C-alpha atoms as a PDB file:
ATOM      1  CA  MET A   1     126.787  87.663  86.869  1.00  0.00           C
ATOM      2  CA  MET A   2     125.737  88.828  90.081  1.00  0.00           C
ATOM      3  CA  SER A   3     124.689  86.943  92.632  1.00  0.00           C
ATOM      4  CA  ALA A   4     121.187  87.308  94.544  1.00  0.00           C
ATOM      5  CA  PRO A   5     121.699  90.847  96.269  1.00  0.00           C
ATOM      6  CA  LYS A   6     120.566  91.273  99.630  1.00  0.00           C
ATOM      7  CA  ALA A   7     117.962  93.479 100.740  1.00  0.00           C
ATOM      8  CA  HIS A   8     119.352  96.986 101.513  1.00  0.00           C
ATOM      9  CA  ALA A   9     116.979  99.278 104.284  1.00  0.00           C
ATOM     10  CA  SER A  10     118.645 102.268 103.570  1.00  0.00           C
ATOM     11  CA  PRO A  11     119.017 104.690 100.596  1.00  0.00           C
ATOM     12  CA  ILE A  12     121.900 104.860  99.171  1.00  0.00           C
ATOM     13  CA  LYS A  13     123.943 109.098 100.042  1.00  0.00           C
ATOM     14  CA  ALA A  14     127.437 107.979  98.747  1.00  0.00           C
ATOM     15  CA  VAL A  15     129.788 105.005  97.831  1.00  0.00           C
ATOM     16  CA  LEU A  16     133.322 104.362  98.511  1.00  0.00           C
ATOM     17  CA  ILE A  17     135.452 102.474  95.501  1.00  0.00           C
ATOM     18  CA  ASP A  18     138.671 100.628  95.973  1.00  0.00           C
ATOM     19  CA  ILE A  19     141.099 101.725  93.016  1.00  0.00           C
ATOM     20  CA  SER A  20     143.695  98.430  91.983  1.00  0.00           C
ATOM     21  CA  GLY A  21     142.139  95.904  91.308  1.00  0.00           C
ATOM     22  CA  THR A  22     138.725  97.141  91.161  1.00  0.00           C
ATOM     23  CA  ILE A  23     138.827  99.969  88.389  1.00  0.00           C
ATOM     24  CA  LEU A  24     142.211  99.653  87.444  1.00  0.00           C
ATOM     25  CA  ILE A  25     144.477  96.854  86.797  1.00  0.00           C
ATOM     26  CA  GLY A  26     148.537  98.534  86.738  1.00  0.00           C
ATOM     27  CA  GLU A  27     147.904 100.878  83.703  1.00  0.00           C
ATOM     28  CA  HIS A  28     145.162 100.618  82.325  1.00  0.00           C
ATOM     29  CA  ALA A  29     141.404 100.250  83.087  1.00  0.00           C
ATOM     30  CA  ILE A  30     138.781  97.819  83.965  1.00  0.00           C
ATOM     31  CA  PRO A  31     136.762  97.630  80.911  1.00  0.00           C
ATOM     32  CA  GLY A  32     134.261  99.753  80.917  1.00  0.00           C
ATOM     33  CA  ALA A  33     134.860 100.873  84.183  1.00  0.00           C
ATOM     34  CA  ILE A  34     135.330 104.245  82.784  1.00  0.00           C
ATOM     35  CA  ASP A  35     131.432 104.805  81.184  1.00  0.00           C
ATOM     36  CA  ALA A  36     130.094 102.941  84.639  1.00  0.00           C
ATOM     37  CA  ILE A  37     131.605 105.690  87.070  1.00  0.00           C
ATOM     38  CA  GLN A  38     130.617 108.629  84.769  1.00  0.00           C
ATOM     39  CA  LYS A  39     127.588 107.057  84.989  1.00  0.00           C
ATOM     40  CA  LEU A  40     127.312 106.772  89.078  1.00  0.00           C
ATOM     41  CA  GLN A  41     128.642 109.919  89.063  1.00  0.00           C
ATOM     42  CA  GLN A  42     125.413 111.524  86.650  1.00  0.00           C
ATOM     43  CA  GLN A  43     123.592 110.868  89.906  1.00  0.00           C
ATOM     44  CA  THR A  44     123.230 113.866  91.810  1.00  0.00           C
ATOM     45  CA  ASN A  45     121.533 111.998  94.616  1.00  0.00           C
ATOM     46  CA  VAL A  46     125.189 110.431  95.630  1.00  0.00           C
ATOM     47  CA  LYS A  47     128.824 111.303  96.605  1.00  0.00           C
ATOM     48  CA  VAL A  48     131.313 109.116  95.531  1.00  0.00           C
ATOM     49  CA  LEU A  49     135.227 109.044  96.846  1.00  0.00           C
ATOM     50  CA  PHE A  50     137.987 106.379  95.542  1.00  0.00           C
ATOM     51  CA  LEU A  51     140.180 104.838  98.236  1.00  0.00           C
ATOM     52  CA  THR A  52     143.063 103.239  97.955  1.00  0.00           C
ATOM     53  CA  ASN A  53     145.724 101.612 100.196  1.00  0.00           C
ATOM     54  CA  SER A  54     148.311 101.800  97.613  1.00  0.00           C
ATOM     55  CA  SER A  55     151.773 103.325  99.032  1.00  0.00           C
ATOM     56  CA  THR A  56     151.291 105.751  95.970  1.00  0.00           C
ATOM     57  CA  SER A  57     151.369 109.649  96.221  1.00  0.00           C
ATOM     58  CA  SER A  58     148.305 111.221  95.633  1.00  0.00           C
ATOM     59  CA  MET A  59     149.180 112.910  92.276  1.00  0.00           C
ATOM     60  CA  SER A  60     151.214 110.165  90.993  1.00  0.00           C
ATOM     61  CA  LEU A  61     147.959 108.409  91.152  1.00  0.00           C
ATOM     62  CA  LEU A  62     145.785 110.686  89.428  1.00  0.00           C
ATOM     63  CA  GLU A  63     147.967 111.189  86.921  1.00  0.00           C
ATOM     64  CA  GLN A  64     148.134 107.238  86.340  1.00  0.00           C
ATOM     65  CA  LEU A  65     144.007 107.400  86.933  1.00  0.00           C
ATOM     66  CA  ARG A  66     143.955 110.148  84.355  1.00  0.00           C
ATOM     67  CA  THR A  67     146.305 108.352  81.768  1.00  0.00           C
ATOM     68  CA  ALA A  68     144.664 104.935  82.051  1.00  0.00           C
ATOM     69  CA  GLY A  69     141.858 107.309  80.665  1.00  0.00           C
ATOM     70  CA  PHE A  70     139.499 108.560  83.771  1.00  0.00           C
ATOM     71  CA  ASP A  71     138.706 111.891  83.153  1.00  0.00           C
ATOM     72  CA  GLU A  72     136.983 114.739  84.921  1.00  0.00           C
ATOM     73  CA  LEU A  73     133.875 113.198  84.485  1.00  0.00           C
ATOM     74  CA  ALA A  74     134.734 110.393  86.334  1.00  0.00           C
ATOM     75  CA  ILE A  75     137.592 111.034  89.252  1.00  0.00           C
ATOM     76  CA  PRO A  76     136.690 115.227  89.475  1.00  0.00           C
ATOM     77  CA  LYS A  77     139.844 116.464  91.718  1.00  0.00           C
ATOM     78  CA  ILE A  78     142.457 115.002  93.425  1.00  0.00           C
ATOM     79  CA  ASP A  79     139.982 115.525  96.468  1.00  0.00           C
ATOM     80  CA  ALA A  80     138.046 112.808  95.318  1.00  0.00           C
ATOM     81  CA  ILE A  81     140.566 110.643  96.312  1.00  0.00           C
ATOM     82  CA  MET A  82     141.614 109.026  99.710  1.00  0.00           C
ATOM     83  CA  THR A  83     144.740 107.339 100.292  1.00  0.00           C
ATOM     84  CA  SER A  84     145.748 105.539 103.076  1.00  0.00           C
ATOM     85  CA  VAL A  85     148.855 107.664 103.015  1.00  0.00           C
ATOM     86  CA  SER A  86     147.119 111.042 103.114  1.00  0.00           C
ATOM     87  CA  ALA A  87     145.348 109.592 106.660  1.00  0.00           C
ATOM     88  CA  THR A  88     149.085 108.214 107.597  1.00  0.00           C
ATOM     89  CA  ARG A  89     151.139 111.619 106.940  1.00  0.00           C
ATOM     90  CA  ASN A  90     147.297 113.527 109.076  1.00  0.00           C
ATOM     91  CA  TYR A  91     148.258 110.784 111.911  1.00  0.00           C
ATOM     92  CA  LEU A  92     151.577 111.781 112.144  1.00  0.00           C
ATOM     93  CA  LEU A  93     151.488 115.047 112.687  1.00  0.00           C
ATOM     94  CA  GLN A  94     148.518 114.544 115.186  1.00  0.00           C
ATOM     95  CA  ASN A  95     150.782 112.436 117.179  1.00  0.00           C
ATOM     96  CA  ASN A  96     154.103 114.006 116.824  1.00  0.00           C
ATOM     97  CA  LEU A  97     155.291 110.939 115.811  1.00  0.00           C
ATOM     98  CA  ARG A  98     159.004 110.988 114.041  1.00  0.00           C
ATOM     99  CA  PRO A  99     158.330 107.648 111.829  1.00  0.00           C
ATOM    100  CA  TYR A 100     161.497 105.568 110.145  1.00  0.00           C
ATOM    101  CA  CYS A 101     159.775 105.429 106.831  1.00  0.00           C
ATOM    102  CA  LEU A 102     159.699 101.651 105.201  1.00  0.00           C
ATOM    103  CA  VAL A 103     158.376 103.890 102.276  1.00  0.00           C
ATOM    104  CA  GLU A 104     159.609 104.539  98.962  1.00  0.00           C
ATOM    105  CA  ASP A 105     161.531 108.098  98.699  1.00  0.00           C
ATOM    106  CA  GLU A 106     159.580 109.896  96.693  1.00  0.00           C
ATOM    107  CA  LEU A 107     156.701 109.482  98.520  1.00  0.00           C
ATOM    108  CA  VAL A 108     158.120 110.456 101.282  1.00  0.00           C
ATOM    109  CA  GLU A 109     159.349 113.943  99.400  1.00  0.00           C
ATOM    110  CA  THR A 110     156.172 114.809  98.464  1.00  0.00           C
ATOM    111  CA  ASP A 111     153.408 113.167 100.793  1.00  0.00           C
ATOM    112  CA  PHE A 112     154.901 113.225 104.186  1.00  0.00           C
ATOM    113  CA  VAL A 113     155.833 117.494 103.752  1.00  0.00           C
ATOM    114  CA  GLY A 114     155.565 118.592 107.548  1.00  0.00           C
ATOM    115  CA  VAL A 115     156.351 115.317 109.322  1.00  0.00           C
ATOM    116  CA  ASN A 116     159.763 115.753 111.100  1.00  0.00           C
ATOM    117  CA  ARG A 117     161.719 113.098 110.441  1.00  0.00           C
ATOM    118  CA  ASN A 118     164.925 113.546 112.597  1.00  0.00           C
ATOM    119  CA  ASN A 119     165.423 111.045 115.747  1.00  0.00           C
ATOM    120  CA  PRO A 120     162.641 108.686 115.074  1.00  0.00           C
ATOM    121  CA  ASN A 121     160.210 107.508 117.358  1.00  0.00           C
ATOM    122  CA  CYS A 122     158.004 105.332 115.078  1.00  0.00           C
ATOM    123  CA  VAL A 123     157.810 102.947 112.493  1.00  0.00           C
ATOM    124  CA  VAL A 124     155.510 103.572 109.194  1.00  0.00           C
ATOM    125  CA  VAL A 125     155.602 100.654 106.743  1.00  0.00           C
ATOM    126  CA  GLY A 126     154.216 101.295 103.440  1.00  0.00           C
ATOM    127  CA  LEU A 127     154.310  99.078 100.019  1.00  0.00           C
ATOM    128  CA  ALA A 128     158.457  99.919  98.982  1.00  0.00           C
ATOM    129  CA  ARG A 129     159.625  97.232  97.224  1.00  0.00           C
ATOM    130  CA  SER A 130     162.874  99.480  97.165  1.00  0.00           C
ATOM    131  CA  LYS A 131     163.400  99.695 101.362  1.00  0.00           C
ATOM    132  CA  LEU A 132     161.717  96.438 102.451  1.00  0.00           C
ATOM    133  CA  ASN A 133     165.116  94.052 102.560  1.00  0.00           C
ATOM    134  CA  TYR A 134     167.217  92.846 105.475  1.00  0.00           C
ATOM    135  CA  GLU A 135     169.097  95.747 105.933  1.00  0.00           C
ATOM    136  CA  LYS A 136     166.575  98.362 106.351  1.00  0.00           C
ATOM    137  CA  LEU A 137     163.981  95.646 108.558  1.00  0.00           C
ATOM    138  CA  ASN A 138     166.663  94.944 111.175  1.00  0.00           C
ATOM    139  CA  TRP A 139     167.459  98.521 111.473  1.00  0.00           C
ATOM    140  CA  ALA A 140     163.485  98.971 111.941  1.00  0.00           C
ATOM    141  CA  PHE A 141     163.752  95.620 114.735  1.00  0.00           C
ATOM    142  CA  ARG A 142     166.212  97.145 116.502  1.00  0.00           C
ATOM    143  CA  LEU A 143     164.547 100.770 117.110  1.00  0.00           C
ATOM    144  CA  LEU A 144     161.621  99.583 117.357  1.00  0.00           C
ATOM    145  CA  THR A 145     162.819  97.487 120.002  1.00  0.00           C
ATOM    146  CA  LYS A 146     164.861 100.088 121.914  1.00  0.00           C
ATOM    147  CA  LEU A 147     160.838 102.531 122.005  1.00  0.00           C
ATOM    148  CA  LYS A 148     159.658  99.298 123.453  1.00  0.00           C
ATOM    149  CA  LYS A 149     162.516  98.581 125.768  1.00  0.00           C
ATOM    150  CA  ALA A 150     162.081 102.573 126.897  1.00  0.00           C
ATOM    151  CA  ASP A 151     158.072 102.823 126.989  1.00  0.00           C
ATOM    152  CA  ALA A 152     158.506  99.932 129.202  1.00  0.00           C
ATOM    153  CA  GLU A 153     160.959 101.736 131.584  1.00  0.00           C
ATOM    154  CA  SER A 154     159.029 105.244 131.999  1.00  0.00           C
ATOM    155  CA  ASP A 155     157.148 106.613 134.837  1.00  0.00           C
ATOM    156  CA  ASN A 156     153.280 106.125 133.616  1.00  0.00           C
ATOM    157  CA  THR A 157     152.701 109.092 134.912  1.00  0.00           C
ATOM    158  CA  THR A 158     154.993 110.802 132.207  1.00  0.00           C
ATOM    159  CA  ILE A 159     154.019 108.361 129.738  1.00  0.00           C
ATOM    160  CA  SER A 160     150.495 106.555 131.025  1.00  0.00           C
ATOM    161  CA  ASN A 161     149.410 105.538 127.273  1.00  0.00           C
ATOM    162  CA  PRO A 162     151.951 105.718 124.604  1.00  0.00           C
ATOM    163  CA  PRO A 163     151.411 106.312 120.896  1.00  0.00           C
ATOM    164  CA  PRO A 164     151.988 103.695 118.720  1.00  0.00           C
ATOM    165  CA  ARG A 165     155.332 102.315 117.890  1.00  0.00           C
ATOM    166  CA  LEU A 166     154.384 100.476 114.586  1.00  0.00           C
ATOM    167  CA  ILE A 167     151.767 101.933 111.842  1.00  0.00           C
ATOM    168  CA  ALA A 168     150.915 100.336 108.754  1.00  0.00           C
ATOM    169  CA  ILE A 169     150.140 102.122 105.992  1.00  0.00           C
ATOM    170  CA  SER A 170     148.182  99.391 104.844  1.00  0.00           C
ATOM    171  CA  ARG A 171     148.686  95.606 105.762  1.00  0.00           C
ATOM    172  CA  ALA A 172     147.362  94.117 103.250  1.00  0.00           C
ATOM    173  CA  THR A 173     148.978  90.328 102.693  1.00  0.00           C
ATOM    174  CA  HIS A 174     148.483  90.619  97.966  1.00  0.00           C
ATOM    175  CA  PHE A 175     148.018  92.519  95.209  1.00  0.00           C
ATOM    176  CA  LEU A 176     147.267  92.168  91.757  1.00  0.00           C
ATOM    177  CA  ASP A 177     150.382  93.625  90.376  1.00  0.00           C
ATOM    178  CA  SER A 178     150.879  95.755  86.527  1.00  0.00           C
ATOM    179  CA  ASP A 179     151.841  91.985  85.287  1.00  0.00           C
ATOM    180  CA  HIS A 180     148.463  90.662  85.981  1.00  0.00           C
ATOM    181  CA  GLU A 181     149.817  87.803  88.183  1.00  0.00           C
ATOM    182  CA  LEU A 182     150.040  88.572  92.472  1.00  0.00           C
ATOM    183  CA  SER A 183     152.370  89.321  94.480  1.00  0.00           C
ATOM    184  CA  LEU A 184     154.008  90.284  97.927  1.00  0.00           C
ATOM    185  CA  GLY A 185     151.642  93.441 100.028  1.00  0.00           C
ATOM    186  CA  PRO A 186     153.308  95.065 103.562  1.00  0.00           C
ATOM    187  CA  GLY A 187     151.193  92.967 105.126  1.00  0.00           C
ATOM    188  CA  GLY A 188     153.406  90.246 105.251  1.00  0.00           C
ATOM    189  CA  PHE A 189     156.153  92.652 106.927  1.00  0.00           C
ATOM    190  CA  VAL A 190     154.290  94.565 109.540  1.00  0.00           C
ATOM    191  CA  THR A 191     153.708  90.691 111.018  1.00  0.00           C
ATOM    192  CA  LEU A 192     157.042  90.377 110.938  1.00  0.00           C
ATOM    193  CA  LEU A 193     157.998  93.645 113.472  1.00  0.00           C
ATOM    194  CA  GLU A 194     155.123  92.625 114.873  1.00  0.00           C
ATOM    195  CA  GLU A 195     155.857  89.244 116.283  1.00  0.00           C
ATOM    196  CA  THR A 196     159.968  89.804 116.434  1.00  0.00           C
ATOM    197  CA  VAL A 197     159.437  92.568 118.354  1.00  0.00           C
ATOM    198  CA  GLY A 198     156.479  92.040 120.758  1.00  0.00           C
ATOM    199  CA  VAL A 199     154.279  95.479 119.356  1.00  0.00           C
ATOM    200  CA  THR A 200     150.723  95.617 117.599  1.00  0.00           C
ATOM    201  CA  ALA A 201     150.942  98.127 114.792  1.00  0.00           C
ATOM    202  CA  HIS A 202     148.387 100.864 114.129  1.00  0.00           C
ATOM    203  CA  VAL A 203     146.695 100.225 110.747  1.00  0.00           C
ATOM    204  CA  ILE A 204     145.869 103.463 109.063  1.00  0.00           C
ATOM    205  CA  GLY A 205     144.168 102.031 105.737  1.00  0.00           C
ATOM    206  CA  LYS A 206     141.709  99.324 104.573  1.00  0.00           C
ATOM    207  CA  PRO A 207     140.224  97.141 106.753  1.00  0.00           C
ATOM    208  CA  SER A 208     140.663  99.501 109.412  1.00  0.00           C
ATOM    209  CA  PRO A 209     137.086 101.159 110.691  1.00  0.00           C
ATOM    210  CA  ASN A 210     138.547 104.776 111.913  1.00  0.00           C
ATOM    211  CA  PHE A 211     139.795 104.360 107.472  1.00  0.00           C
ATOM    212  CA  TYR A 212     135.815 103.782 106.378  1.00  0.00           C
ATOM    213  CA  GLN A 213     134.436 106.174 109.269  1.00  0.00           C
ATOM    214  CA  ALA A 214     136.969 109.322 108.158  1.00  0.00           C
ATOM    215  CA  ALA A 215     136.069 108.790 104.559  1.00  0.00           C
ATOM    216  CA  VAL A 216     131.659 107.944 104.840  1.00  0.00           C
ATOM    217  CA  SER A 217     132.462 111.384 107.394  1.00  0.00           C
ATOM    218  CA  SER A 218     134.272 113.831 104.917  1.00  0.00           C
ATOM    219  CA  LEU A 219     131.514 112.677 102.241  1.00  0.00           C
ATOM    220  CA  LEU A 220     128.742 112.788 104.395  1.00  0.00           C
ATOM    221  CA  GLY A 221     129.448 114.981 107.911  1.00  0.00           C
ATOM    222  CA  ILE A 222     130.290 113.812 111.076  1.00  0.00           C
ATOM    223  CA  GLU A 223     127.089 113.084 112.031  1.00  0.00           C
ATOM    224  CA  TYR A 224     126.114 110.209 109.466  1.00  0.00           C
ATOM    225  CA  ASP A 225     124.691 107.251 109.313  1.00  0.00           C
ATOM    226  CA  PRO A 226     126.874 104.730 107.602  1.00  0.00           C
ATOM    227  CA  SER A 227     124.136 102.395 106.400  1.00  0.00           C
ATOM    228  CA  SER A 228     123.368 104.534 103.638  1.00  0.00           C
ATOM    229  CA  THR A 229     126.933 104.412 102.034  1.00  0.00           C
ATOM    230  CA  VAL A 230     128.045 101.528  99.677  1.00  0.00           C
ATOM    231  CA  MET A 231     131.817 100.036  99.957  1.00  0.00           C
ATOM    232  CA  ILE A 232     132.831  97.852  96.083  1.00  0.00           C
ATOM    233  CA  GLY A 233     136.019  96.035  95.885  1.00  0.00           C
ATOM    234  CA  ASP A 234     138.214  93.394  94.785  1.00  0.00           C
ATOM    235  CA  ASP A 235     139.230  92.314  98.305  1.00  0.00           C
ATOM    236  CA  VAL A 236     136.866  90.545 100.464  1.00  0.00           C
ATOM    237  CA  LYS A 237     139.201  91.736 103.597  1.00  0.00           C
ATOM    238  CA  GLY A 238     140.260  94.989 103.331  1.00  0.00           C
ATOM    239  CA  ASP A 239     137.413  95.729 101.054  1.00  0.00           C
ATOM    240  CA  VAL A 240     134.114  93.887 102.382  1.00  0.00           C
ATOM    241  CA  SER A 241     134.678  92.465 105.827  1.00  0.00           C
ATOM    242  CA  GLY A 242     136.497  95.872 106.661  1.00  0.00           C
ATOM    243  CA  ALA A 243     133.522  97.884 105.517  1.00  0.00           C
ATOM    244  CA  LEU A 244     130.551  96.040 106.939  1.00  0.00           C
ATOM    245  CA  GLU A 245     132.358  95.567 110.263  1.00  0.00           C
ATOM    246  CA  ALA A 246     132.582  99.209 110.002  1.00  0.00           C
ATOM    247  CA  GLY A 247     128.747  99.474 109.168  1.00  0.00           C
ATOM    248  CA  LEU A 248     128.542 100.555 106.157  1.00  0.00           C
ATOM    249  CA  GLY A 249     125.210  99.298 105.148  1.00  0.00           C
ATOM    250  CA  CYS A 250     126.825  97.590 101.863  1.00  0.00           C
ATOM    251  CA  ALA A 251     129.835  95.648 100.815  1.00  0.00           C
ATOM    252  CA  ILE A 252     130.163  93.901  96.800  1.00  0.00           C
ATOM    253  CA  LEU A 253     132.851  92.273  95.852  1.00  0.00           C
ATOM    254  CA  VAL A 254     134.316  92.115  92.490  1.00  0.00           C
ATOM    255  CA  LYS A 255     135.637  89.092  90.437  1.00  0.00           C
ATOM    256  CA  THR A 256     138.643  91.375  89.436  1.00  0.00           C
ATOM    257  CA  GLY A 257     142.506  92.696  90.754  1.00  0.00           C
ATOM    258  CA  LYS A 258     142.691  89.971  93.393  1.00  0.00           C
ATOM    259  CA  TYR A 259     139.644  88.289  93.568  1.00  0.00           C
ATOM    260  CA  VAL A 260     140.297  84.390  94.457  1.00  0.00           C
ATOM    261  CA  THR A 261     137.439  82.144  93.694  1.00  0.00           C
ATOM    262  CA  GLY A 262     135.433  80.990  96.111  1.00  0.00           C
ATOM    263  CA  ASP A 263     136.143  84.433  97.963  1.00  0.00           C
ATOM    264  CA  GLU A 264     132.499  84.753  98.680  1.00  0.00           C
ATOM    265  CA  LEU A 265     131.926  82.254 100.999  1.00  0.00           C
ATOM    266  CA  GLY A 266     133.613  83.465 103.994  1.00  0.00           C
ATOM    267  CA  THR A 267     136.310  81.250 104.511  1.00  0.00           C
ATOM    268  CA  LYS A 268     138.368  84.199 104.602  1.00  0.00           C
ATOM    269  CA  THR A 269     136.468  87.014 106.751  1.00  0.00           C
ATOM    270  CA  ARG A 270     134.729  84.311 109.449  1.00  0.00           C
ATOM    271  CA  GLY A 271     131.793  83.865 107.428  1.00  0.00           C
ATOM    272  CA  ILE A 272     131.293  87.758 106.791  1.00  0.00           C
ATOM    273  CA  LEU A 273     130.036  87.858 103.102  1.00  0.00           C
ATOM    274  CA  PRO A 274     129.095  90.048 100.548  1.00  0.00           C
ATOM    275  CA  THR A 275     126.125  91.599 100.172  1.00  0.00           C
ATOM    276  CA  PHE A 276     126.548  90.526  96.557  1.00  0.00           C
ATOM    277  CA  THR A 277     128.984  89.818  94.275  1.00  0.00           C
ATOM    278  CA  ALA A 278     129.472  91.245  90.638  1.00  0.00           C
ATOM    279  CA  ASP A 279     131.508  90.216  87.533  1.00  0.00           C
ATOM    280  CA  SER A 280     133.656  93.569  87.991  1.00  0.00           C
ATOM    281  CA  ILE A 281     132.504  97.315  88.848  1.00  0.00           C
ATOM    282  CA  VAL A 282     130.375  97.616  85.851  1.00  0.00           C
ATOM    283  CA  GLU A 283     127.774  94.942  87.220  1.00  0.00           C
ATOM    284  CA  ALA A 284     128.037  96.299  90.952  1.00  0.00           C
ATOM    285  CA  ILE A 285     127.607  99.899  89.280  1.00  0.00           C
ATOM    286  CA  ASP A 286     124.442  98.644  87.082  1.00  0.00           C
ATOM    287  CA  TYR A 287     123.340  97.816  90.272  1.00  0.00           C
ATOM    288  CA  ILE A 288     123.421 100.122  92.318  1.00  0.00           C
ATOM    289  CA  CYS A 289     121.977 102.660  90.298  1.00  0.00           C
ATOM    290  CA  SER A 290     119.221 100.361  89.319  1.00  0.00           C
ATOM    291  CA  ASN A 291     118.049  98.882  92.800  1.00  0.00           C
ATOM    292  CA  ILE A 292     118.652 101.053  95.614  1.00  0.00           C
ATOM    293  CA  MET A 293     119.152 104.741  94.271  1.00  0.00           C
END
């Protein structure tokens, strides 16, 4: 059952929905998720965008969702999905960064097209089972150490504000894997490099406020009121705390995916509480359609 919701002052114009653990686990849709999202998409006065920190190519992710049964009535096209990977690519291009990628090769080849990776001047970390090993992490450590030293020795008039050298597609500590067990996310490896080199990672995906702001702006335009947006997700830090700290008006925590009993109590989020908590995406969308629109 849903917890008692807090009052919501602003009419909702946009809904952001997490993917992994919220509408999809492994290759299977959360029970009732497809019908619920189709119901939401029928609301003509609301825009819907799906967000993910998953280090998976956008096309592969859409194909996975289609295979799970999310048709065009639920997720109309690839533009309905915003990934932290695509946001990372844009950031690299905008800042003339050449990454050493701790990211799966398939992802680099499909979603990092046009990004120069010769003579790397930064490290990008994503969820990469085949890359996060001692040899490659040690190479990243050595590169970051050299880049940090070079930045420190540079003439301040030449490089007064050096770009971040360590970039995290996300820093999720864990996720619900296809076997329905929790697995390590990239966050621990990002922290390892931060602490061993003495640098601070620039985080692209959730819970970065920039990621949420970009998502809402893409739906409602540059001049928007973030309080008119709802976030639905299973991650009390990335989806709930991150959304509320970015100024969104409502954050719904669902008890699926990586949810652990007690997540809604604020002990993991410095006292920041979800607007309300629902058993699943089905109850969350029922509430939105019945009470906020």
